Amino acid sequence: MALQFTDANFQSEVLSSDKLSVIDFWAEWCGPCRAIGPVIEELSKEYDGKVKVGKVNVDENPQVSMNYGITSIPAILFVKNGQVVDKLVGAQPKGNFVKKIEQHM
């Protein structure tokens, strides 16, 4: 299951990690966010132990969302060694996520 990243654990789980993190910024009321939810879950299983795949609920975690200037959701950030190395915005096919993950692993 995808990890749950929050304002409280983002530093320790994402920024301090030496693994690539894939973070899905989403909200319950967002249709496209719900559409890619199953893809995020699949990726978390397929890359378990190699990549941290998680979600940030923007309504419940406004600080992290503001820190990264998230204005449109779904927004997927790819973070490695504390730095954003790539970003996708909007519902995307699974292949786009896999390509970015493989490129930055």
PDB file of N, CA and C in Angstrom:
ATOM      1  N   MET A   1       0.840  -1.193   0.000  1.00  0.00           N
ATOM      2  CA  MET A   1       0.000   0.000   0.000  1.00  0.00           C
ATOM      3  C   MET A   1       0.880   1.250   0.000  1.00  0.00           C
ATOM      4  N   ALA A   2       0.446   2.261  -0.714  1.00  0.00           N
ATOM      5  CA  ALA A   2       1.196   3.516  -0.774  1.00  0.00           C
ATOM      6  C   ALA A   2       1.335   4.107   0.624  1.00  0.00           C
ATOM      7  N   LEU A   3       2.474   4.702   0.884  1.00  0.00           N
ATOM      8  CA  LEU A   3       2.725   5.346   2.172  1.00  0.00           C
ATOM      9  C   LEU A   3       1.889   6.614   2.286  1.00  0.00           C
ATOM     10  N   GLN A   4       1.645   7.042   3.501  1.00  0.00           N
ATOM     11  CA  GLN A   4       0.949   8.306   3.728  1.00  0.00           C
ATOM     12  C   GLN A   4       1.974   9.320   4.239  1.00  0.00           C
ATOM     13  N   PHE A   5       2.279  10.299   3.416  1.00  0.00           N
ATOM     14  CA  PHE A   5       3.200  11.357   3.825  1.00  0.00           C
ATOM     15  C   PHE A   5       2.386  12.513   4.386  1.00  0.00           C
ATOM     16  N   THR A   6       2.884  13.128   5.460  1.00  0.00           N
ATOM     17  CA  THR A   6       2.159  14.210   6.125  1.00  0.00           C
ATOM     18  C   THR A   6       3.118  15.358   6.414  1.00  0.00           C
ATOM     19  N   ASP A   7       2.546  16.476   6.862  1.00  0.00           N
ATOM     20  CA  ASP A   7       3.382  17.600   7.292  1.00  0.00           C
ATOM     21  C   ASP A   7       4.372  17.124   8.358  1.00  0.00           C
ATOM     22  N   ALA A   8       3.920  16.208   9.224  1.00  0.00           N
ATOM     23  CA  ALA A   8       4.731  15.755  10.352  1.00  0.00           C
ATOM     24  C   ALA A   8       5.868  14.812   9.946  1.00  0.00           C
ATOM     25  N   ASN A   9       5.634  13.929   8.950  1.00  0.00           N
ATOM     26  CA  ASN A   9       6.665  12.931   8.632  1.00  0.00           C
ATOM     27  C   ASN A   9       7.403  13.165   7.322  1.00  0.00           C
ATOM     28  N   PHE A  10       7.093  14.232   6.601  1.00  0.00           N
ATOM     29  CA  PHE A  10       7.677  14.453   5.275  1.00  0.00           C
ATOM     30  C   PHE A  10       9.198  14.558   5.337  1.00  0.00           C
ATOM     31  N   GLN A  11       9.714  15.295   6.317  1.00  0.00           N
ATOM     32  CA  GLN A  11      11.166  15.460   6.459  1.00  0.00           C
ATOM     33  C   GLN A  11      11.851  14.103   6.641  1.00  0.00           C
ATOM     34  N   SER A  12      11.373  13.305   7.580  1.00  0.00           N
ATOM     35  CA  SER A  12      12.032  12.033   7.881  1.00  0.00           C
ATOM     36  C   SER A  12      11.804  10.984   6.794  1.00  0.00           C
ATOM     37  N   GLU A  13      10.597  10.933   6.241  1.00  0.00           N
ATOM     38  CA  GLU A  13      10.268   9.896   5.258  1.00  0.00           C
ATOM     39  C   GLU A  13      10.782  10.192   3.852  1.00  0.00           C
ATOM     40  N   VAL A  14      10.747  11.464   3.452  1.00  0.00           N
ATOM     41  CA  VAL A  14      11.079  11.816   2.067  1.00  0.00           C
ATOM     42  C   VAL A  14      12.423  12.525   1.971  1.00  0.00           C
ATOM     43  N   LEU A  15      12.547  13.655   2.638  1.00  0.00           N
ATOM     44  CA  LEU A  15      13.730  14.491   2.452  1.00  0.00           C
ATOM     45  C   LEU A  15      15.007  13.855   2.993  1.00  0.00           C
ATOM     46  N   SER A  16      14.898  13.039   4.050  1.00  0.00           N
ATOM     47  CA  SER A  16      16.082  12.399   4.626  1.00  0.00           C
ATOM     48  C   SER A  16      16.387  11.044   3.991  1.00  0.00           C
ATOM     49  N   SER A  17      15.556  10.604   3.061  1.00  0.00           N
ATOM     50  CA  SER A  17      15.739   9.295   2.440  1.00  0.00           C
ATOM     51  C   SER A  17      16.728   9.378   1.280  1.00  0.00           C
ATOM     52  N   ASP A  18      17.538   8.320   1.119  1.00  0.00           N
ATOM     53  CA  ASP A  18      18.440   8.277  -0.039  1.00  0.00           C
ATOM     54  C   ASP A  18      17.789   7.565  -1.222  1.00  0.00           C
ATOM     55  N   LYS A  19      16.563   7.051  -1.020  1.00  0.00           N
ATOM     56  CA  LYS A  19      15.811   6.415  -2.105  1.00  0.00           C
ATOM     57  C   LYS A  19      14.996   7.466  -2.849  1.00  0.00           C
ATOM     58  N   LEU A  20      14.685   7.160  -4.088  1.00  0.00           N
ATOM     59  CA  LEU A  20      13.755   7.991  -4.845  1.00  0.00           C
ATOM     60  C   LEU A  20      12.387   7.904  -4.184  1.00  0.00           C
ATOM     61  N   SER A  21      11.730   9.041  -4.008  1.00  0.00           N
ATOM     62  CA  SER A  21      10.365   9.079  -3.481  1.00  0.00           C
ATOM     63  C   SER A  21       9.443   9.618  -4.567  1.00  0.00           C
ATOM     64  N   VAL A  22       8.311   8.955  -4.736  1.00  0.00           N
ATOM     65  CA  VAL A  22       7.282   9.397  -5.677  1.00  0.00           C
ATOM     66  C   VAL A  22       6.100   9.827  -4.825  1.00  0.00           C
ATOM     67  N   ILE A  23       5.764  11.115  -4.883  1.00  0.00           N
ATOM     68  CA  ILE A  23       4.742  11.664  -4.002  1.00  0.00           C
ATOM     69  C   ILE A  23       3.563  12.169  -4.821  1.00  0.00           C
ATOM     70  N   ASP A  24       2.409  11.589  -4.552  1.00  0.00           N
ATOM     71  CA  ASP A  24       1.166  11.973  -5.213  1.00  0.00           C
ATOM     72  C   ASP A  24       0.423  12.966  -4.318  1.00  0.00           C
ATOM     73  N   PHE A  25       0.366  14.229  -4.742  1.00  0.00           N
ATOM     74  CA  PHE A  25      -0.415  15.244  -4.023  1.00  0.00           C
ATOM     75  C   PHE A  25      -1.844  15.147  -4.555  1.00  0.00           C
ATOM     76  N   TRP A  26      -2.801  14.883  -3.664  1.00  0.00           N
ATOM     77  CA  TRP A  26      -4.160  14.588  -4.079  1.00  0.00           C
ATOM     78  C   TRP A  26      -5.160  15.121  -3.060  1.00  0.00           C
ATOM     79  N   ALA A  27      -6.450  15.016  -3.408  1.00  0.00           N
ATOM     80  CA  ALA A  27      -7.540  15.351  -2.481  1.00  0.00           C
ATOM     81  C   ALA A  27      -8.717  14.415  -2.768  1.00  0.00           C
ATOM     82  N   GLU A  28      -9.492  14.184  -1.726  1.00  0.00           N
ATOM     83  CA  GLU A  28     -10.655  13.281  -1.808  1.00  0.00           C
ATOM     84  C   GLU A  28     -11.639  13.716  -2.897  1.00  0.00           C
ATOM     85  N   TRP A  29     -11.848  15.016  -3.051  1.00  0.00           N
ATOM     86  CA  TRP A  29     -12.861  15.550  -3.964  1.00  0.00           C
ATOM     87  C   TRP A  29     -12.386  15.639  -5.416  1.00  0.00           C
ATOM     88  N   CYS A  30     -11.151  15.275  -5.690  1.00  0.00           N
ATOM     89  CA  CYS A  30     -10.541  15.444  -7.024  1.00  0.00           C
ATOM     90  C   CYS A  30     -10.718  14.175  -7.860  1.00  0.00           C
ATOM     91  N   GLY A  31     -11.523  14.265  -8.915  1.00  0.00           N
ATOM     92  CA  GLY A  31     -11.784  13.116  -9.788  1.00  0.00           C
ATOM     93  C   GLY A  31     -10.535  12.520 -10.420  1.00  0.00           C
ATOM     94  N   PRO A  32      -9.699  13.338 -11.084  1.00  0.00           N
ATOM     95  CA  PRO A  32      -8.470  12.788 -11.681  1.00  0.00           C
ATOM     96  C   PRO A  32      -7.539  12.154 -10.634  1.00  0.00           C
ATOM     97  N   CYS A  33      -7.556  12.691  -9.404  1.00  0.00           N
ATOM     98  CA  CYS A  33      -6.744  12.114  -8.328  1.00  0.00           C
ATOM     99  C   CYS A  33      -7.210  10.694  -8.025  1.00  0.00           C
ATOM    100  N   ARG A  34      -8.519  10.522  -7.947  1.00  0.00           N
ATOM    101  CA  ARG A  34      -9.072   9.198  -7.674  1.00  0.00           C
ATOM    102  C   ARG A  34      -8.788   8.247  -8.840  1.00  0.00           C
ATOM    103  N   ALA A  35      -8.747   8.797 -10.054  1.00  0.00           N
ATOM    104  CA  ALA A  35      -8.493   7.967 -11.234  1.00  0.00           C
ATOM    105  C   ALA A  35      -7.077   7.375 -11.202  1.00  0.00           C
ATOM    106  N   ILE A  36      -6.099   8.136 -10.725  1.00  0.00           N
ATOM    107  CA  ILE A  36      -4.733   7.595 -10.713  1.00  0.00           C
ATOM    108  C   ILE A  36      -4.395   6.877  -9.407  1.00  0.00           C
ATOM    109  N   GLY A  37      -5.294   6.908  -8.436  1.00  0.00           N
ATOM    110  CA  GLY A  37      -5.061   6.216  -7.166  1.00  0.00           C
ATOM    111  C   GLY A  37      -4.630   4.764  -7.329  1.00  0.00           C
ATOM    112  N   PRO A  38      -5.365   3.967  -8.143  1.00  0.00           N
ATOM    113  CA  PRO A  38      -4.968   2.566  -8.326  1.00  0.00           C
ATOM    114  C   PRO A  38      -3.570   2.414  -8.957  1.00  0.00           C
ATOM    115  N   VAL A  39      -3.201   3.332  -9.838  1.00  0.00           N
ATOM    116  CA  VAL A  39      -1.868   3.299 -10.464  1.00  0.00           C
ATOM    117  C   VAL A  39      -0.798   3.520  -9.403  1.00  0.00           C
ATOM    118  N   ILE A  40      -1.028   4.478  -8.508  1.00  0.00           N
ATOM    119  CA  ILE A  40      -0.079   4.753  -7.425  1.00  0.00           C
ATOM    120  C   ILE A  40       0.069   3.511  -6.542  1.00  0.00           C
ATOM    121  N   GLU A  41      -1.045   2.836  -6.250  1.00  0.00           N
ATOM    122  CA  GLU A  41      -1.001   1.612  -5.442  1.00  0.00           C
ATOM    123  C   GLU A  41      -0.191   0.521  -6.147  1.00  0.00           C
ATOM    124  N   GLU A  42      -0.401   0.355  -7.448  1.00  0.00           N
ATOM    125  CA  GLU A  42       0.347  -0.646  -8.217  1.00  0.00           C
ATOM    126  C   GLU A  42       1.842  -0.349  -8.162  1.00  0.00           C
ATOM    127  N   LEU A  43       2.199   0.920  -8.360  1.00  0.00           N
ATOM    128  CA  LEU A  43       3.612   1.304  -8.345  1.00  0.00           C
ATOM    129  C   LEU A  43       4.237   1.032  -6.979  1.00  0.00           C
ATOM    130  N   SER A  44       3.466   1.277  -5.907  1.00  0.00           N
ATOM    131  CA  SER A  44       4.014   1.058  -4.567  1.00  0.00           C
ATOM    132  C   SER A  44       4.328  -0.424  -4.351  1.00  0.00           C
ATOM    133  N   LYS A  45       3.520  -1.326  -4.934  1.00  0.00           N
ATOM    134  CA  LYS A  45       3.788  -2.765  -4.820  1.00  0.00           C
ATOM    135  C   LYS A  45       4.970  -3.166  -5.707  1.00  0.00           C
ATOM    136  N   GLU A  46       4.964  -2.678  -6.953  1.00  0.00           N
ATOM    137  CA  GLU A  46       5.999  -3.079  -7.911  1.00  0.00           C
ATOM    138  C   GLU A  46       7.387  -2.597  -7.516  1.00  0.00           C
ATOM    139  N   TYR A  47       7.474  -1.437  -6.885  1.00  0.00           N
ATOM    140  CA  TYR A  47       8.781  -0.872  -6.523  1.00  0.00           C
ATOM    141  C   TYR A  47       9.052  -0.954  -5.026  1.00  0.00           C
ATOM    142  N   ASP A  48       8.313  -1.815  -4.323  1.00  0.00           N
ATOM    143  CA  ASP A  48       8.469  -1.966  -2.883  1.00  0.00           C
ATOM    144  C   ASP A  48       9.925  -2.287  -2.532  1.00  0.00           C
ATOM    145  N   GLY A  49      10.482  -1.515  -1.599  1.00  0.00           N
ATOM    146  CA  GLY A  49      11.863  -1.727  -1.184  1.00  0.00           C
ATOM    147  C   GLY A  49      12.880  -0.979  -2.031  1.00  0.00           C
ATOM    148  N   LYS A  50      12.464  -0.507  -3.218  1.00  0.00           N
ATOM    149  CA  LYS A  50      13.388   0.198  -4.111  1.00  0.00           C
ATOM    150  C   LYS A  50      13.075   1.693  -4.202  1.00  0.00           C
ATOM    151  N   VAL A  51      11.783   2.008  -4.173  1.00  0.00           N
ATOM    152  CA  VAL A  51      11.316   3.392  -4.302  1.00  0.00           C
ATOM    153  C   VAL A  51      10.227   3.605  -3.253  1.00  0.00           C
ATOM    154  N   LYS A  52      10.221   4.782  -2.616  1.00  0.00           N
ATOM    155  CA  LYS A  52       9.137   5.117  -1.687  1.00  0.00           C
ATOM    156  C   LYS A  52       8.014   5.754  -2.489  1.00  0.00           C
ATOM    157  N   VAL A  53       6.869   5.123  -2.506  1.00  0.00           N
ATOM    158  CA  VAL A  53       5.710   5.647  -3.234  1.00  0.00           C
ATOM    159  C   VAL A  53       4.656   6.007  -2.199  1.00  0.00           C
ATOM    160  N   GLY A  54       4.243   7.279  -2.203  1.00  0.00           N
ATOM    161  CA  GLY A  54       3.271   7.697  -1.209  1.00  0.00           C
ATOM    162  C   GLY A  54       2.394   8.831  -1.680  1.00  0.00           C
ATOM    163  N   LYS A  55       1.483   9.208  -0.786  1.00  0.00           N
ATOM    164  CA  LYS A  55       0.486  10.227  -1.107  1.00  0.00           C
ATOM    165  C   LYS A  55       0.473  11.299  -0.024  1.00  0.00           C
ATOM    166  N   VAL A  56       0.179  12.523  -0.447  1.00  0.00           N
ATOM    167  CA  VAL A  56      -0.035  13.635   0.480  1.00  0.00           C
ATOM    168  C   VAL A  56      -1.424  14.188   0.202  1.00  0.00           C
ATOM    169  N   ASN A  57      -2.298  14.118   1.201  1.00  0.00           N
ATOM    170  CA  ASN A  57      -3.624  14.715   1.072  1.00  0.00           C
ATOM    171  C   ASN A  57      -3.452  16.224   1.285  1.00  0.00           C
ATOM    172  N   VAL A  58      -3.680  17.022   0.230  1.00  0.00           N
ATOM    173  CA  VAL A  58      -3.410  18.464   0.302  1.00  0.00           C
ATOM    174  C   VAL A  58      -4.329  19.187   1.289  1.00  0.00           C
ATOM    175  N   ASP A  59      -5.529  18.651   1.507  1.00  0.00           N
ATOM    176  CA  ASP A  59      -6.441  19.288   2.456  1.00  0.00           C
ATOM    177  C   ASP A  59      -5.985  19.084   3.898  1.00  0.00           C
ATOM    178  N   GLU A  60      -5.383  17.931   4.172  1.00  0.00           N
ATOM    179  CA  GLU A  60      -4.951  17.611   5.534  1.00  0.00           C
ATOM    180  C   GLU A  60      -3.521  18.046   5.827  1.00  0.00           C
ATOM    181  N   ASN A  61      -2.735  18.326   4.777  1.00  0.00           N
ATOM    182  CA  ASN A  61      -1.312  18.661   4.933  1.00  0.00           C
ATOM    183  C   ASN A  61      -0.949  19.898   4.127  1.00  0.00           C
ATOM    184  N   PRO A  62      -1.493  21.050   4.529  1.00  0.00           N
ATOM    185  CA  PRO A  62      -1.281  22.261   3.734  1.00  0.00           C
ATOM    186  C   PRO A  62       0.179  22.746   3.718  1.00  0.00           C
ATOM    187  N   GLN A  63       0.952  22.445   4.756  1.00  0.00           N
ATOM    188  CA  GLN A  63       2.316  22.960   4.831  1.00  0.00           C
ATOM    189  C   GLN A  63       3.201  22.375   3.728  1.00  0.00           C
ATOM    190  N   VAL A  64       3.199  21.055   3.590  1.00  0.00           N
ATOM    191  CA  VAL A  64       4.007  20.407   2.552  1.00  0.00           C
ATOM    192  C   VAL A  64       3.553  20.885   1.174  1.00  0.00           C
ATOM    193  N   SER A  65       2.252  20.968   0.978  1.00  0.00           N
ATOM    194  CA  SER A  65       1.714  21.401  -0.308  1.00  0.00           C
ATOM    195  C   SER A  65       2.169  22.820  -0.645  1.00  0.00           C
ATOM    196  N   MET A  66       2.141  23.703   0.349  1.00  0.00           N
ATOM    197  CA  MET A  66       2.589  25.091   0.133  1.00  0.00           C
ATOM    198  C   MET A  66       4.092  25.135  -0.138  1.00  0.00           C
ATOM    199  N   ASN A  67       4.862  24.349   0.610  1.00  0.00           N
ATOM    200  CA  ASN A  67       6.320  24.347   0.442  1.00  0.00           C
ATOM    201  C   ASN A  67       6.729  24.019  -0.993  1.00  0.00           C
ATOM    202  N   TYR A  68       5.928  23.177  -1.657  1.00  0.00           N
ATOM    203  CA  TYR A  68       6.259  22.756  -3.019  1.00  0.00           C
ATOM    204  C   TYR A  68       5.420  23.462  -4.081  1.00  0.00           C
ATOM    205  N   GLY A  69       4.675  24.486  -3.681  1.00  0.00           N
ATOM    206  CA  GLY A  69       3.914  25.289  -4.638  1.00  0.00           C
ATOM    207  C   GLY A  69       2.882  24.489  -5.408  1.00  0.00           C
ATOM    208  N   ILE A  70       2.249  23.532  -4.736  1.00  0.00           N
ATOM    209  CA  ILE A  70       1.243  22.700  -5.406  1.00  0.00           C
ATOM    210  C   ILE A  70      -0.025  23.522  -5.594  1.00  0.00           C
ATOM    211  N   THR A  71      -0.369  23.807  -6.855  1.00  0.00           N
ATOM    212  CA  THR A  71      -1.569  24.580  -7.159  1.00  0.00           C
ATOM    213  C   THR A  71      -2.570  23.776  -7.976  1.00  0.00           C
ATOM    214  N   SER A  72      -2.101  22.720  -8.649  1.00  0.00           N
ATOM    215  CA  SER A  72      -2.982  21.842  -9.425  1.00  0.00           C
ATOM    216  C   SER A  72      -2.761  20.420  -8.945  1.00  0.00           C
ATOM    217  N   ILE A  73      -3.855  19.681  -8.826  1.00  0.00           N
ATOM    218  CA  ILE A  73      -3.724  18.277  -8.445  1.00  0.00           C
ATOM    219  C   ILE A  73      -4.484  17.410  -9.435  1.00  0.00           C
ATOM    220  N   PRO A  74      -4.103  16.163  -9.631  1.00  0.00           N
ATOM    221  CA  PRO A  74      -2.969  15.540  -8.981  1.00  0.00           C
ATOM    222  C   PRO A  74      -1.636  16.100  -9.490  1.00  0.00           C
ATOM    223  N   ALA A  75      -0.704  16.246  -8.566  1.00  0.00           N
ATOM    224  CA  ALA A  75       0.666  16.618  -8.898  1.00  0.00           C
ATOM    225  C   ALA A  75       1.563  15.541  -8.295  1.00  0.00           C
ATOM    226  N   ILE A  76       2.436  14.996  -9.116  1.00  0.00           N
ATOM    227  CA  ILE A  76       3.310  13.934  -8.648  1.00  0.00           C
ATOM    228  C   ILE A  76       4.747  14.445  -8.703  1.00  0.00           C
ATOM    229  N   LEU A  77       5.378  14.503  -7.536  1.00  0.00           N
ATOM    230  CA  LEU A  77       6.775  14.931  -7.460  1.00  0.00           C
ATOM    231  C   LEU A  77       7.671  13.720  -7.313  1.00  0.00           C
ATOM    232  N   PHE A  78       8.820  13.789  -7.942  1.00  0.00           N
ATOM    233  CA  PHE A  78       9.843  12.760  -7.815  1.00  0.00           C
ATOM    234  C   PHE A  78      10.997  13.416  -7.061  1.00  0.00           C
ATOM    235  N   VAL A  79      11.264  12.933  -5.846  1.00  0.00           N
ATOM    236  CA  VAL A  79      12.255  13.560  -4.966  1.00  0.00           C
ATOM    237  C   VAL A  79      13.358  12.559  -4.678  1.00  0.00           C
ATOM    238  N   LYS A  80      14.607  13.012  -4.848  1.00  0.00           N
ATOM    239  CA  LYS A  80      15.763  12.163  -4.543  1.00  0.00           C
ATOM    240  C   LYS A  80      16.780  13.005  -3.800  1.00  0.00           C
ATOM    241  N   ASN A  81      17.317  12.460  -2.709  1.00  0.00           N
ATOM    242  CA  ASN A  81      18.303  13.165  -1.882  1.00  0.00           C
ATOM    243  C   ASN A  81      17.812  14.558  -1.489  1.00  0.00           C
ATOM    244  N   GLY A  82      16.520  14.667  -1.174  1.00  0.00           N
ATOM    245  CA  GLY A  82      15.958  15.923  -0.698  1.00  0.00           C
ATOM    246  C   GLY A  82      15.634  16.942  -1.770  1.00  0.00           C
ATOM    247  N   GLN A  83      15.871  16.601  -3.036  1.00  0.00           N
ATOM    248  CA  GLN A  83      15.637  17.544  -4.133  1.00  0.00           C
ATOM    249  C   GLN A  83      14.574  17.011  -5.092  1.00  0.00           C
ATOM    250  N   VAL A  84      13.728  17.921  -5.596  1.00  0.00           N
ATOM    251  CA  VAL A  84      12.752  17.532  -6.623  1.00  0.00           C
ATOM    252  C   VAL A  84      13.520  17.337  -7.930  1.00  0.00           C
ATOM    253  N   VAL A  85      13.464  16.121  -8.477  1.00  0.00           N
ATOM    254  CA  VAL A  85      14.187  15.837  -9.717  1.00  0.00           C
ATOM    255  C   VAL A  85      13.255  15.773 -10.924  1.00  0.00           C
ATOM    256  N   ASP A  86      11.942  15.674 -10.669  1.00  0.00           N
ATOM    257  CA  ASP A  86      10.985  15.630 -11.777  1.00  0.00           C
ATOM    258  C   ASP A  86       9.577  15.849 -11.240  1.00  0.00           C
ATOM    259  N   LYS A  87       8.635  16.081 -12.159  1.00  0.00           N
ATOM    260  CA  LYS A  87       7.267  16.377 -11.752  1.00  0.00           C
ATOM    261  C   LYS A  87       6.315  16.021 -12.887  1.00  0.00           C
ATOM    262  N   LEU A  88       5.158  15.478 -12.531  1.00  0.00           N
ATOM    263  CA  LEU A  88       4.066  15.267 -13.483  1.00  0.00           C
ATOM    264  C   LEU A  88       2.824  15.922 -12.900  1.00  0.00           C
ATOM    265  N   VAL A  89       2.020  16.571 -13.742  1.00  0.00           N
ATOM    266  CA  VAL A  89       0.785  17.186 -13.265  1.00  0.00           C
ATOM    267  C   VAL A  89      -0.367  16.646 -14.093  1.00  0.00           C
ATOM    268  N   GLY A  90      -1.451  16.281 -13.398  1.00  0.00           N
ATOM    269  CA  GLY A  90      -2.631  15.757 -14.076  1.00  0.00           C
ATOM    270  C   GLY A  90      -2.609  14.243 -14.148  1.00  0.00           C
ATOM    271  N   ALA A  91      -3.754  13.667 -14.468  1.00  0.00           N
ATOM    272  CA  ALA A  91      -3.857  12.216 -14.600  1.00  0.00           C
ATOM    273  C   ALA A  91      -2.987  11.773 -15.772  1.00  0.00           C
ATOM    274  N   GLN A  92      -2.199  10.733 -15.545  1.00  0.00           N
ATOM    275  CA  GLN A  92      -1.244  10.251 -16.545  1.00  0.00           C
ATOM    276  C   GLN A  92      -1.370   8.740 -16.679  1.00  0.00           C
ATOM    277  N   PRO A  93      -1.010   8.196 -17.843  1.00  0.00           N
ATOM    278  CA  PRO A  93      -0.967   6.739 -17.951  1.00  0.00           C
ATOM    279  C   PRO A  93       0.202   6.186 -17.116  1.00  0.00           C
ATOM    280  N   LYS A  94       0.057   4.951 -16.681  1.00  0.00           N
ATOM    281  CA  LYS A  94       1.066   4.322 -15.820  1.00  0.00           C
ATOM    282  C   LYS A  94       2.462   4.368 -16.442  1.00  0.00           C
ATOM    283  N   GLY A  95       2.549   4.200 -17.744  1.00  0.00           N
ATOM    284  CA  GLY A  95       3.846   4.194 -18.439  1.00  0.00           C
ATOM    285  C   GLY A  95       4.654   5.455 -18.183  1.00  0.00           C
ATOM    286  N   ASN A  96       3.973   6.594 -18.058  1.00  0.00           N
ATOM    287  CA  ASN A  96       4.685   7.855 -17.798  1.00  0.00           C
ATOM    288  C   ASN A  96       5.366   7.831 -16.432  1.00  0.00           C
ATOM    289  N   PHE A  97       4.697   7.251 -15.442  1.00  0.00           N
ATOM    290  CA  PHE A  97       5.276   7.151 -14.099  1.00  0.00           C
ATOM    291  C   PHE A  97       6.485   6.212 -14.110  1.00  0.00           C
ATOM    292  N   VAL A  98       6.305   5.059 -14.776  1.00  0.00           N
ATOM    293  CA  VAL A  98       7.379   4.058 -14.832  1.00  0.00           C
ATOM    294  C   VAL A  98       8.617   4.642 -15.500  1.00  0.00           C
ATOM    295  N   LYS A  99       8.401   5.387 -16.597  1.00  0.00           N
ATOM    296  CA  LYS A  99       9.538   5.991 -17.310  1.00  0.00           C
ATOM    297  C   LYS A  99      10.313   6.935 -16.403  1.00  0.00           C
ATOM    298  N   LYS A 100       9.611   7.785 -15.646  1.00  0.00           N
ATOM    299  CA  LYS A 100      10.269   8.734 -14.748  1.00  0.00           C
ATOM    300  C   LYS A 100      10.976   7.999 -13.601  1.00  0.00           C
ATOM    301  N   ILE A 101      10.323   6.972 -13.050  1.00  0.00           N
ATOM    302  CA  ILE A 101      10.933   6.214 -11.954  1.00  0.00           C
ATOM    303  C   ILE A 101      12.229   5.566 -12.423  1.00  0.00           C
ATOM    304  N   GLU A 102      12.183   4.894 -13.557  1.00  0.00           N
ATOM    305  CA  GLU A 102      13.372   4.203 -14.083  1.00  0.00           C
ATOM    306  C   GLU A 102      14.495   5.194 -14.395  1.00  0.00           C
ATOM    307  N   GLN A 103      14.113   6.366 -14.861  1.00  0.00           N
ATOM    308  CA  GLN A 103      15.100   7.397 -15.215  1.00  0.00           C
ATOM    309  C   GLN A 103      15.836   7.909 -13.984  1.00  0.00           C
ATOM    310  N   HIS A 104      15.159   7.968 -12.825  1.00  0.00           N
ATOM    311  CA  HIS A 104      15.755   8.600 -11.637  1.00  0.00           C
ATOM    312  C   HIS A 104      16.182   7.630 -10.532  1.00  0.00           C
ATOM    313  N   MET A 105      15.952   6.336 -10.725  1.00  0.00           N
ATOM    314  CA  MET A 105      16.295   5.373  -9.669  1.00  0.00           C
ATOM    315  C   MET A 105      17.795   5.293  -9.420  1.00  0.00           C
TER     316      MET A 105
END
